[in-house]
Amino acid sequence: MSNIRSLGARLSIVTVLVLLAVVGLTELAMAGPQNPPSAPVTVVNTPSNPVPVVQQGTSSISGNVNVNNQPTVKLAPGTNVGLVTGEPFARPVDLAIPVGYNSTGLSVEIPAGKRFVIKTVSATAVMEPGGTPFVEFQLNYTNGGPVSIWLPMHLQGARLGFDHYVATVPVMLDADGPSPVFVSFNRDVVTGLSRCFFVLAGHLVDIP
């Protein structure tokens, strides 16, 4: 008999606990969601812990940009990085020294408002045997006066009774128009006929 009473008491306690749990869940369901904050949340990131950003599409960026190639950076076809581009420009010069003279020259005109960025200089001199050619071009700088650059002419051999000298030099020089570039051809003899074919090649850009 006492066991039956003890079991009944236990069942009563369990029933009460279940009822309390049901009442608590019902109140939570009726309470609904919590109200959002009255002001927007502000997140402050330090320079050592910035907000991660993934750039997509096309954007304009000013200033210096460092690219570490992680992930791989792909450039559009025809894109040049670190290269100056402009209008291709080349000027050939044909100089001849007649019998009895040892030098001649010619000015290469540059369009006004343009800068001739000279990247290659080439010359071929045809000499009577025994003669030595001297080829130079001269740039006129407003802040430093004229600058003369002599080409290292090398004998390549003889053809049709004449000695052939050549020189091709990569350079990086600027010449601002309308000041011309002066080219001169000299030799150490005055006999016979000597000739020089000279080319300045590069591109034109606007003078900033």
Protein backbone atom coordinates (compact mmCIF):
# COMPACT_ATOMS: atom_id res chain seq x y z
CA MET A 1 0.00 0.00 0.00
CA SER A 2 2.81 2.39 0.83
CA ASN A 3 4.44 1.60 -2.51
CA ILE A 4 1.32 2.60 -4.38
CA ARG A 5 1.19 5.93 -2.55
CA SER A 6 4.86 6.62 -3.27
CA LEU A 7 4.34 5.88 -6.98
CA GLY A 8 1.33 8.20 -7.10
CA ALA A 9 3.32 11.01 -5.53
CA ARG A 10 6.06 10.62 -8.10
CA LEU A 11 3.57 10.68 -10.97
CA SER A 12 2.04 13.86 -9.57
CA ILE A 13 5.45 15.57 -9.47
CA VAL A 14 6.27 14.55 -13.08
CA THR A 15 2.84 15.79 -14.23
CA VAL A 16 3.43 19.19 -12.62
CA LEU A 17 6.86 19.54 -14.26
CA VAL A 18 5.46 18.70 -17.69
CA LEU A 19 2.71 21.28 -17.29
CA LEU A 20 5.23 23.96 -16.30
CA ALA A 21 7.37 23.20 -19.37
CA VAL A 22 4.35 23.43 -21.69
CA VAL A 23 3.31 26.78 -20.19
CA GLY A 24 6.85 28.18 -20.61
CA LEU A 25 7.09 27.18 -24.27
CA THR A 26 3.69 28.67 -24.98
CA GLU A 27 4.72 32.02 -23.51
CA LEU A 28 7.92 32.08 -25.61
CA ALA A 29 5.96 31.38 -28.79
CA MET A 30 3.47 34.14 -28.02
CA ALA A 31 6.22 36.65 -27.23
CA GLY A 32 7.36 36.72 -30.92
CA PRO A 33 10.78 37.91 -32.21
CA GLN A 34 12.82 40.53 -30.41
CA ASN A 35 12.69 44.12 -31.68
CA PRO A 36 15.69 45.10 -33.90
CA PRO A 37 18.18 47.70 -32.56
CA SER A 38 17.05 51.31 -32.87
CA ALA A 39 20.35 52.39 -34.58
CA PRO A 40 22.58 50.76 -37.24
CA VAL A 41 25.53 48.76 -36.02
CA THR A 42 28.94 50.31 -36.80
CA VAL A 43 31.94 48.02 -37.29
CA VAL A 44 35.39 49.62 -36.97
CA ASN A 45 38.33 47.86 -38.62
CA THR A 46 41.93 48.76 -37.92
CA PRO A 47 44.55 49.10 -40.70
CA SER A 48 46.06 45.79 -39.59
CA ASN A 49 42.66 44.10 -39.81
CA PRO A 50 40.81 45.71 -42.77
CA VAL A 51 37.50 44.69 -44.22
CA PRO A 52 38.14 42.07 -46.95
CA VAL A 53 36.98 43.26 -50.36
CA VAL A 54 36.68 41.25 -53.56
CA GLN A 55 36.73 43.52 -56.63
CA GLN A 56 34.65 42.44 -59.60
CA GLY A 57 34.11 44.09 -62.96
CA THR A 58 35.93 47.19 -64.25
CA SER A 59 37.12 49.93 -61.89
CA SER A 60 39.23 53.09 -62.16
CA ILE A 61 42.17 53.22 -59.72
CA SER A 62 44.45 56.19 -59.08
CA GLY A 63 47.87 56.14 -57.49
CA ASN A 64 50.37 53.28 -57.25
CA VAL A 65 49.05 49.73 -57.44
CA ASN A 66 51.00 46.71 -56.18
CA VAL A 67 50.08 43.37 -57.74
CA ASN A 68 51.30 40.19 -56.04
CA ASN A 69 49.65 37.91 -58.62
CA GLN A 70 47.65 36.02 -56.01
CA PRO A 71 45.43 34.83 -57.59
CA THR A 72 46.78 35.06 -61.12
CA VAL A 73 46.20 38.47 -62.75
CA LYS A 74 45.24 38.31 -66.43
CA LEU A 75 45.65 41.32 -68.73
CA ALA A 76 43.52 42.02 -71.75
CA PRO A 77 45.13 41.22 -75.12
CA GLY A 78 47.28 44.09 -76.37
CA THR A 79 47.77 45.60 -72.89
CA ASN A 80 51.23 47.06 -72.22
CA VAL A 81 52.41 47.51 -68.64
CA GLY A 82 55.17 50.02 -67.91
CA LEU A 83 55.64 50.89 -71.55
CA VAL A 84 55.21 54.29 -73.14
CA THR A 85 52.99 54.10 -76.19
CA GLY A 86 52.45 56.65 -78.92
CA GLU A 87 52.45 57.21 -82.66
CA PRO A 88 55.26 55.23 -84.39
CA PHE A 89 57.76 57.64 -85.91
CA ALA A 90 60.92 57.05 -87.96
CA ARG A 91 63.09 59.30 -90.07
CA PRO A 92 65.57 57.96 -92.66
CA VAL A 93 68.45 60.21 -93.69
CA ASP A 94 70.63 59.77 -96.79
CA LEU A 95 73.94 61.63 -96.61
CA ALA A 96 76.60 61.77 -99.31
CA ILE A 97 80.07 63.34 -99.17
CA PRO A 98 81.37 64.36 -102.62
CA VAL A 99 84.95 64.27 -103.76
CA GLY A 100 87.08 66.92 -102.06
CA TYR A 101 85.00 67.15 -98.85
CA ASN A 102 85.14 65.31 -95.56
CA SER A 103 81.76 66.03 -93.91
CA THR A 104 78.07 66.71 -94.47
CA GLY A 105 74.93 66.93 -92.32
CA LEU A 106 71.16 67.26 -92.28
CA SER A 107 68.45 68.28 -89.81
CA VAL A 108 65.57 65.91 -88.97
CA GLU A 109 62.41 67.91 -88.28
CA ILE A 110 60.10 67.02 -85.36
CA PRO A 111 56.46 68.17 -85.33
CA ALA A 112 55.73 71.11 -83.03
CA GLY A 113 54.10 70.13 -79.75
CA LYS A 114 55.41 66.57 -80.04
CA ARG A 115 58.18 64.71 -78.25
CA PHE A 116 60.20 62.26 -80.31
CA VAL A 117 61.07 59.32 -78.05
CA ILE A 118 64.09 57.85 -79.87
CA LYS A 119 64.55 54.14 -79.17
CA THR A 120 66.81 52.92 -82.00
CA VAL A 121 69.54 54.56 -84.04
CA SER A 122 70.99 52.78 -87.08
CA ALA A 123 73.57 53.77 -89.69
CA THR A 124 75.30 52.18 -92.68
CA ALA A 125 78.32 53.89 -94.24
CA VAL A 126 79.76 53.00 -97.65
CA MET A 127 83.39 54.09 -97.94
CA GLU A 128 86.23 54.05 -100.41
CA PRO A 129 88.78 51.47 -99.23
CA GLY A 130 91.01 52.91 -96.54
CA GLY A 131 88.57 55.56 -95.35
CA THR A 132 87.06 55.65 -91.85
CA PRO A 133 83.51 56.98 -91.19
CA PHE A 134 82.41 59.05 -88.20
CA VAL A 135 78.67 59.35 -87.65
CA GLU A 136 76.93 61.41 -84.97
CA PHE A 137 73.54 62.85 -84.14
CA GLN A 138 72.94 65.92 -82.02
CA LEU A 139 70.03 66.75 -79.74
CA ASN A 140 69.27 70.32 -78.65
CA TYR A 141 68.11 70.59 -75.04
CA THR A 142 66.84 73.95 -73.84
CA ASN A 143 68.18 73.42 -70.32
CA GLY A 144 71.57 71.99 -71.26
CA GLY A 145 72.45 72.94 -74.82
CA PRO A 146 73.34 70.52 -77.63
CA VAL A 147 74.34 66.94 -76.86
CA SER A 148 76.33 64.94 -79.44
CA ILE A 149 76.22 61.15 -79.58
CA TRP A 150 78.70 59.28 -81.78
CA LEU A 151 77.84 55.86 -83.17
CA PRO A 152 80.36 52.99 -82.95
CA MET A 153 80.75 52.10 -86.63
CA HIS A 154 82.06 48.57 -87.31
CA LEU A 155 83.53 47.30 -90.56
CA GLN A 156 81.42 44.44 -91.91
CA GLY A 157 83.38 43.75 -95.06
CA ALA A 158 83.87 44.85 -98.67
CA ARG A 159 81.28 44.72 -101.45
CA LEU A 160 81.52 45.99 -105.05
CA GLY A 161 84.82 47.69 -104.26
CA PHE A 162 83.57 49.62 -101.18
CA ASP A 163 83.99 49.06 -97.45
CA HIS A 164 80.72 48.76 -95.52
CA TYR A 165 80.43 49.97 -91.93
CA VAL A 166 77.29 49.48 -89.79
CA ALA A 167 75.98 50.41 -86.35
CA THR A 168 72.65 49.77 -84.62
CA VAL A 169 72.26 51.11 -81.10
CA PRO A 170 69.24 50.87 -78.76
CA VAL A 171 68.76 54.17 -76.93
CA MET A 172 66.15 56.00 -74.88
CA LEU A 173 66.34 59.70 -75.74
CA ASP A 174 63.78 62.48 -75.99
CA ALA A 175 63.77 65.29 -78.53
CA ASP A 176 61.06 67.95 -78.29
CA GLY A 177 59.69 69.59 -81.43
CA PRO A 178 60.03 71.84 -83.22
CA SER A 179 63.76 71.70 -82.39
CA PRO A 180 65.35 69.35 -84.96
CA VAL A 181 67.77 66.48 -84.50
CA PHE A 182 70.98 67.14 -86.44
CA VAL A 183 72.75 64.21 -88.13
CA SER A 184 76.31 64.48 -89.42
CA PHE A 185 78.54 62.19 -91.47
CA ASN A 186 82.31 62.67 -91.48
CA ARG A 187 85.34 60.88 -92.87
CA ASP A 188 89.13 61.07 -92.52
CA VAL A 189 89.82 61.38 -96.26
CA VAL A 190 88.64 63.68 -99.06
CA THR A 191 89.09 61.33 -102.00
CA GLY A 192 86.33 59.37 -103.65
CA LEU A 193 82.62 59.31 -102.83
CA SER A 194 81.25 58.23 -99.42
CA ARG A 195 77.64 57.68 -98.42
CA CYS A 196 75.73 57.10 -95.17
CA PHE A 197 72.17 55.83 -94.61
CA PHE A 198 70.94 56.88 -91.18
CA VAL A 199 67.66 56.02 -89.39
CA LEU A 200 66.12 57.39 -86.18
CA ALA A 201 63.20 55.25 -84.95
CA GLY A 202 60.80 55.51 -82.01
CA HIS A 203 57.43 57.14 -81.42
CA LEU A 204 55.78 60.52 -80.92
CA VAL A 205 53.95 61.61 -77.78
CA ASP A 206 52.40 64.92 -76.77
CA ILE A 207 54.68 67.24 -74.81
CA PRO A 208 53.18 67.43 -71.30
